[in-house]
Amino acid sequence: MSKKKVLVCGATGFIGRNIAENFSLRSEYEVYGTYLDTNPFDNPKIKMFKVDLRDPIQVDNIVRGKDIIIQAAATTSGAKDIITKPYCHVTDNAVINSLIFRSAYETNISHVIFFSCTVMYQSSDVPIKESDFNANQGIYPNYFGVGWTKVYLEKMCEFYSRIGDTKFTVLRHSNVYGPYDKFDLEHSHVFGATMTKVMMTPHGGQIVVWGTGEEERDLIHVSDVVDFVERALRMQQDRFDLVNVGAGKAIAVRDLVRKMITLSGKELSLQHDTSKPTIKTSLFLDISRARERYGWEPKISLDEGIRKTMAWYRDHIDMTKLELK
């Protein structure tokens, strides 16, 4: 049986690299990856190509001949950029995905996986279902640009699924963490930033937490996301599906910090800096659709995920090149 050719766009990024490395271990797949500004990693089972996904010719060339596209390429960053440079998540991401989806349709790709997110959801203290998004309610102001861009791209997936034979899966994933995450404080999300602060602060030191830490986040380990992708490729029946992928529960940022400190074995104190940028929303996902349609649910508990990420961090991150601010 011939192998399925899988193209992982953004294979040097956080989710993309985890997907590419995992799929390269499976005998049924032949894995290709794209990169642009970051250096390609060395894996003999992954064929890496430098591609500017904003260029339609380059997109068509790399898509041609593939069976599956896992679209993990994106311009991403943390709360600071979302607040101070909100445009940075809009233009490139709209262009990149528009070109990839069109090329997938024109070349009859069998299946496209698109990583959306949860920024279109309103803050909530109850589990949020996929159907709970209401465009008439608007989107949280700091997420306005990136949120509406994601909604547009989700609808583009649905559009192409209606006019062609390509299957599209949209993942509205919560806050993903794990190996190869961004850990520099300028661009990382809450988990990566907190991990770096805990790992770099010496025993008996103090950690500064941005904001009050009351906001809550749904945190999912990247290996559980990879597991869902594999299930969707095997089990999706309809040409289009949109699915929440998360832990199904939330933790306050301040509690996350305390948990990391405890699991690190250090004695550290906390200070809250309310002058720093934070996004004061709280939500967690209803994951019943993923469970019912794909038999999926997260396997990695938060405590286990933190321990695994700390172990990986110690082995792979050069802390002499990171700087606490």
Protein backbone atom coordinates (compact mmCIF):
# COMPACT_ATOMS: atom_id res chain seq x y z
CA MET A 1 0.00 0.00 0.00
CA SER A 2 1.40 3.41 -0.98
CA LYS A 3 2.02 5.95 1.71
CA LYS A 4 -0.15 9.05 2.01
CA LYS A 5 1.79 12.24 1.37
CA VAL A 6 1.22 14.64 4.26
CA LEU A 7 2.23 18.29 3.97
CA VAL A 8 2.69 20.04 7.32
CA CYS A 9 2.68 23.80 6.72
CA GLY A 10 4.67 25.56 9.42
CA ALA A 11 6.58 22.42 10.38
CA THR A 12 9.17 24.36 12.40
CA GLY A 13 6.50 25.97 14.58
CA PHE A 14 5.15 24.66 17.86
CA ILE A 15 2.13 22.63 16.76
CA GLY A 16 3.55 21.95 13.29
CA ARG A 17 6.74 20.37 14.56
CA ASN A 18 4.89 18.14 17.00
CA ILE A 19 2.57 17.03 14.19
CA ALA A 20 5.41 16.45 11.71
CA GLU A 21 7.59 14.47 14.11
CA ASN A 22 4.70 12.34 15.30
CA PHE A 23 3.45 11.53 11.80
CA SER A 24 7.00 10.75 10.63
CA LEU A 25 6.97 7.79 13.04
CA ARG A 26 3.92 6.27 11.35
CA SER A 27 4.54 3.86 8.51
CA GLU A 28 1.46 4.94 6.54
CA TYR A 29 2.63 8.53 5.99
CA GLU A 30 5.30 10.27 3.94
CA VAL A 31 5.85 13.63 5.61
CA TYR A 32 6.76 16.96 4.02
CA GLY A 33 7.21 20.21 5.92
CA THR A 34 7.50 23.92 5.15
CA TYR A 35 9.56 26.58 6.88
CA LEU A 36 10.50 30.18 6.12
CA ASP A 37 12.20 32.40 8.72
CA THR A 38 13.25 29.66 11.15
CA ASN A 39 15.95 27.08 10.53
CA PRO A 40 14.75 23.63 9.47
CA PHE A 41 15.37 20.84 11.95
CA ASP A 42 17.18 17.66 10.96
CA ASN A 43 14.89 14.65 10.65
CA PRO A 44 15.64 12.15 7.87
CA LYS A 45 11.98 11.09 7.78
CA ILE A 46 10.69 14.60 7.02
CA LYS A 47 11.38 16.35 3.72
CA MET A 48 11.71 20.06 4.50
CA PHE A 49 11.18 22.89 1.99
CA LYS A 50 11.64 26.63 2.34
CA VAL A 51 8.35 28.14 1.18
CA ASP A 52 6.84 31.61 1.42
CA LEU A 53 3.18 30.70 1.86
CA ARG A 54 2.15 34.25 0.91
CA ASP A 55 3.27 33.53 -2.67
CA PRO A 56 0.60 31.73 -4.74
CA ILE A 57 3.14 30.11 -7.06
CA GLN A 58 5.15 28.66 -4.19
CA VAL A 59 1.97 27.46 -2.51
CA ASP A 60 0.76 25.69 -5.64
CA ASN A 61 4.15 24.06 -6.15
CA ILE A 62 4.37 22.62 -2.63
CA VAL A 63 0.72 21.51 -2.48
CA ARG A 64 0.78 19.70 -5.83
CA GLY A 65 0.95 15.92 -5.47
CA LYS A 66 0.09 15.77 -1.77
CA ASP A 67 -2.80 13.88 -0.22
CA ILE A 68 -3.26 15.66 3.11
CA ILE A 69 -2.50 19.20 4.28
CA ILE A 70 -2.10 19.99 7.97
CA GLN A 71 -2.13 23.77 8.07
CA ALA A 72 -0.21 24.88 11.16
CA ALA A 73 1.57 27.90 9.65
CA ALA A 74 0.61 31.20 11.26
CA THR A 75 1.83 34.47 12.63
CA THR A 76 1.32 34.04 16.37
CA SER A 77 2.42 35.67 19.61
CA GLY A 78 1.26 36.49 23.12
CA ALA A 79 -0.82 39.07 24.93
CA LYS A 80 1.68 41.90 24.48
CA ASP A 81 1.58 41.82 20.67
CA ILE A 82 -2.19 41.25 20.61
CA ILE A 83 -2.64 44.47 22.59
CA THR A 84 0.14 46.66 21.16
CA LYS A 85 0.26 45.35 17.56
CA PRO A 86 -3.16 43.76 16.91
CA TYR A 87 -2.68 43.90 13.13
CA CYS A 88 0.20 41.41 13.24
CA HIS A 89 -2.19 38.43 13.32
CA VAL A 90 -4.48 39.54 10.53
CA THR A 91 -3.02 40.17 7.07
CA ASP A 92 -0.45 37.40 6.65
CA ASN A 93 -2.73 34.76 8.18
CA ALA A 94 -5.61 35.70 5.89
CA VAL A 95 -3.38 35.55 2.81
CA ILE A 96 -1.60 32.31 3.75
CA ASN A 97 -4.74 30.35 4.46
CA SER A 98 -6.67 31.73 1.49
CA LEU A 99 -3.95 30.52 -0.88
CA ILE A 100 -3.57 27.11 0.78
CA PHE A 101 -7.30 26.39 0.80
CA ARG A 102 -7.70 27.43 -2.83
CA SER A 103 -4.76 25.30 -3.93
CA ALA A 104 -6.09 22.33 -1.94
CA TYR A 105 -9.42 22.65 -3.75
CA GLU A 106 -7.86 23.05 -7.20
CA THR A 107 -5.56 20.04 -6.78
CA ASN A 108 -8.17 17.78 -5.14
CA ILE A 109 -6.38 17.30 -1.83
CA SER A 110 -8.27 14.64 0.12
CA HIS A 111 -8.22 16.30 3.56
CA VAL A 112 -7.19 19.64 5.09
CA ILE A 113 -6.73 20.21 8.82
CA PHE A 114 -6.96 23.87 9.88
CA PHE A 115 -5.98 25.10 13.33
CA SER A 116 -8.35 27.87 14.34
CA CYS A 117 -8.62 28.86 18.03
CA THR A 118 -11.13 30.08 20.61
CA VAL A 119 -10.67 33.85 20.39
CA MET A 120 -14.11 34.30 18.82
CA TYR A 121 -15.84 32.98 21.95
CA GLN A 122 -17.17 35.30 24.61
CA SER A 123 -15.82 35.01 28.13
CA SER A 124 -17.87 32.43 30.03
CA ASP A 125 -18.02 30.57 33.33
CA VAL A 126 -19.78 27.56 31.76
CA PRO A 127 -18.44 25.15 29.10
CA ILE A 128 -18.67 26.64 25.60
CA LYS A 129 -20.03 24.59 22.72
CA GLU A 130 -19.15 25.13 19.06
CA SER A 131 -22.67 26.45 18.46
CA ASP A 132 -22.39 29.03 21.25
CA PHE A 133 -20.52 31.50 19.06
CA ASN A 134 -22.91 34.28 18.13
CA ALA A 135 -21.62 36.78 15.57
CA ASN A 136 -24.18 39.33 16.73
CA GLN A 137 -22.58 39.47 20.17
CA GLY A 138 -19.28 40.71 18.79
CA ILE A 139 -15.82 39.62 19.83
CA TYR A 140 -13.72 40.71 22.81
CA PRO A 141 -12.10 44.03 21.75
CA ASN A 142 -8.48 42.89 22.05
CA TYR A 143 -9.32 39.86 19.88
CA PHE A 144 -11.36 41.75 17.28
CA GLY A 145 -8.89 41.47 14.40
CA VAL A 146 -7.60 37.95 14.96
CA GLY A 147 -11.03 36.69 15.99
CA TRP A 148 -12.85 37.81 12.85
CA THR A 149 -9.95 36.60 10.72
CA LYS A 150 -10.33 33.13 12.23
CA VAL A 151 -14.10 33.16 11.66
CA TYR A 152 -13.56 34.17 8.03
CA LEU A 153 -11.05 31.36 7.50
CA GLU A 154 -13.36 28.82 9.14
CA LYS A 155 -16.11 29.84 6.72
CA MET A 156 -13.66 29.59 3.82
CA CYS A 157 -13.01 25.97 4.82
CA GLU A 158 -16.74 25.35 4.82
CA PHE A 159 -17.10 27.10 1.45
CA TYR A 160 -14.51 24.92 -0.29
CA SER A 161 -15.94 21.79 1.31
CA ARG A 162 -19.29 22.63 -0.31
CA ILE A 163 -17.97 23.06 -3.85
CA GLY A 164 -15.40 20.27 -3.95
CA ASP A 165 -14.54 16.84 -2.59
CA THR A 166 -11.83 17.92 -0.15
CA LYS A 167 -12.63 17.30 3.51
CA PHE A 168 -11.91 20.16 5.91
CA THR A 169 -11.52 19.84 9.66
CA VAL A 170 -11.45 23.03 11.75
CA LEU A 171 -10.01 22.74 15.26
CA ARG A 172 -11.13 25.38 17.71
CA HIS A 173 -8.39 24.45 20.13
CA SER A 174 -7.81 25.98 23.54
CA ASN A 175 -4.39 27.01 24.90
CA VAL A 176 -1.96 24.36 23.64
CA TYR A 177 1.31 23.73 25.49
CA GLY A 178 4.20 21.30 25.45
CA PRO A 179 7.51 20.66 23.64
CA TYR A 180 8.68 23.30 21.13
CA ASP A 181 6.29 25.94 22.52
CA LYS A 182 7.45 29.56 22.53
CA PHE A 183 9.15 30.27 25.84
CA ASP A 184 10.50 33.79 25.32
CA LEU A 185 8.49 36.35 27.28
CA GLU A 186 7.95 38.69 24.33
CA HIS A 187 6.00 36.21 22.18
CA SER A 188 4.85 33.32 24.36
CA HIS A 189 1.38 32.55 25.66
CA VAL A 190 0.58 32.26 29.35
CA PHE A 191 1.87 28.69 29.78
CA GLY A 192 5.20 29.26 28.03
CA ALA A 193 5.81 32.57 29.76
CA THR A 194 5.00 31.14 33.18
CA MET A 195 7.20 28.11 32.56
CA THR A 196 10.16 30.32 31.71
CA LYS A 197 9.66 32.48 34.82
CA VAL A 198 9.50 29.42 37.08
CA MET A 199 12.45 27.67 35.47
CA MET A 200 14.70 30.75 35.43
CA THR A 201 13.93 32.14 38.88
CA PRO A 202 16.36 30.81 41.51
CA HIS A 203 15.17 29.04 44.65
CA GLY A 204 13.92 31.65 47.13
CA GLY A 205 13.29 34.23 44.41
CA GLN A 206 10.19 36.05 43.27
CA ILE A 207 8.00 35.68 40.18
CA VAL A 208 6.15 38.65 38.72
CA VAL A 209 2.76 37.71 37.27
CA TRP A 210 1.18 40.05 34.73
CA GLY A 211 -2.25 41.20 35.90
CA THR A 212 -4.27 39.83 38.80
CA GLY A 213 -4.14 36.24 37.59
CA GLU A 214 -7.91 35.86 37.98
CA GLU A 215 -8.46 35.09 34.29
CA GLU A 216 -8.92 31.40 33.55
CA ARG A 217 -7.57 29.30 30.71
CA ASP A 218 -8.35 25.88 29.23
CA LEU A 219 -4.96 24.17 28.73
CA ILE A 220 -4.40 21.17 26.46
CA HIS A 221 -1.15 19.24 25.95
CA VAL A 222 0.02 19.16 22.35
CA SER A 223 0.16 15.36 22.25
CA ASP A 224 -3.61 15.29 22.81
CA VAL A 225 -4.06 17.69 19.89
CA VAL A 226 -1.94 15.42 17.69
CA ASP A 227 -4.12 12.49 18.72
CA PHE A 228 -7.26 14.35 17.67
CA VAL A 229 -5.78 15.22 14.26
CA GLU A 230 -4.98 11.57 13.62
CA ARG A 231 -8.52 10.56 14.59
CA ALA A 232 -10.09 13.22 12.37
CA LEU A 233 -8.11 12.01 9.36
CA ARG A 234 -9.31 8.45 9.95
CA MET A 235 -12.87 9.00 11.11
CA GLN A 236 -14.39 12.20 9.71
CA GLN A 237 -17.48 11.40 7.64
CA ASP A 238 -18.72 14.79 6.44
CA ARG A 239 -16.73 17.06 4.15
CA PHE A 240 -16.70 19.75 6.85
CA ASP A 241 -16.49 19.57 10.61
CA LEU A 242 -15.71 22.18 13.25
CA VAL A 243 -14.69 20.79 16.63
CA ASN A 244 -13.65 22.12 20.03
CA VAL A 245 -10.41 20.53 21.20
CA GLY A 246 -9.45 21.34 24.76
CA ALA A 247 -9.20 20.08 28.32
CA GLY A 248 -12.84 20.81 29.04
CA LYS A 249 -11.95 22.65 32.24
CA ALA A 250 -10.24 25.88 33.23
CA ILE A 251 -7.58 26.97 35.65
CA ALA A 252 -6.91 30.51 36.89
CA VAL A 253 -3.53 31.87 35.83
CA ARG A 254 -2.52 32.47 39.45
CA ASP A 255 -3.33 28.83 40.26
CA LEU A 256 -1.33 27.70 37.24
CA VAL A 257 1.67 29.64 38.51
CA ARG A 258 1.35 28.11 41.97
CA LYS A 259 1.04 24.62 40.48
CA MET A 260 4.17 25.10 38.38
CA ILE A 261 6.10 26.37 41.39
CA THR A 262 5.05 23.35 43.44
CA LEU A 263 5.98 20.88 40.71
CA SER A 264 9.34 22.60 40.18
CA GLY A 265 10.29 21.89 43.80
CA LYS A 266 11.29 25.51 44.35
CA GLU A 267 10.16 27.96 47.01
CA LEU A 268 9.17 31.10 45.12
CA SER A 269 7.03 34.10 46.03
CA LEU A 270 4.55 35.90 43.76
CA GLN A 271 4.06 39.55 42.89
CA HIS A 272 1.30 40.84 40.61
CA ASP A 273 2.10 43.66 38.17
CA THR A 274 -1.24 45.09 37.03
CA SER A 275 0.48 47.57 34.69
CA LYS A 276 1.48 44.79 32.30
CA PRO A 277 -0.80 43.73 29.40
CA THR A 278 -3.23 40.93 30.11
CA ILE A 279 -6.38 39.72 28.40
CA LYS A 280 -9.09 39.49 31.04
CA THR A 281 -11.25 36.75 29.59
CA SER A 282 -12.03 33.33 30.98
CA LEU A 283 -13.38 30.30 29.17
CA PHE A 284 -13.25 26.55 28.86
CA LEU A 285 -14.57 24.26 26.16
CA ASP A 286 -17.37 21.77 25.90
CA ILE A 287 -15.62 18.87 24.15
CA SER A 288 -18.62 16.56 23.81
CA ARG A 289 -18.60 16.75 20.00
CA ALA A 290 -14.99 15.52 19.85
CA ARG A 291 -15.85 12.73 22.27
CA GLU A 292 -19.05 11.64 20.52
CA ARG A 293 -17.85 11.83 16.90
CA TYR A 294 -14.23 10.76 17.27
CA GLY A 295 -13.98 8.95 20.58
CA TRP A 296 -11.45 11.57 21.66
CA GLU A 297 -10.74 13.08 25.03
CA PRO A 298 -7.53 14.41 26.56
CA LYS A 299 -5.26 11.83 28.16
CA ILE A 300 -2.59 14.09 29.67
CA SER A 301 -3.56 15.71 32.97
CA LEU A 302 -2.28 19.21 33.66
CA ASP A 303 0.08 17.99 36.39
CA GLU A 304 1.52 15.35 34.07
CA GLY A 305 1.76 17.85 31.22
CA ILE A 306 3.63 20.34 33.37
CA ARG A 307 6.10 17.66 34.50
CA LYS A 308 6.67 16.50 30.92
CA THR A 309 7.18 20.06 29.68
CA MET A 310 9.57 20.89 32.52
CA ALA A 311 11.65 17.82 31.70
CA TRP A 312 11.73 18.76 28.01
CA TYR A 313 12.58 22.37 28.91
CA ARG A 314 15.59 21.33 30.98
CA ASP A 315 16.90 19.22 28.09
CA HIS A 316 16.29 21.64 25.22
CA ILE A 317 16.15 25.29 26.34
CA ASP A 318 19.37 27.26 26.76
CA MET A 319 18.39 29.43 29.72
CA THR A 320 21.48 31.59 29.30
CA LYS A 321 19.89 33.06 26.16
CA LEU A 322 16.58 33.96 27.80
CA GLU A 323 16.04 37.12 29.78
CA LEU A 324 13.48 37.84 32.48
CA LYS A 325 11.88 41.27 32.42
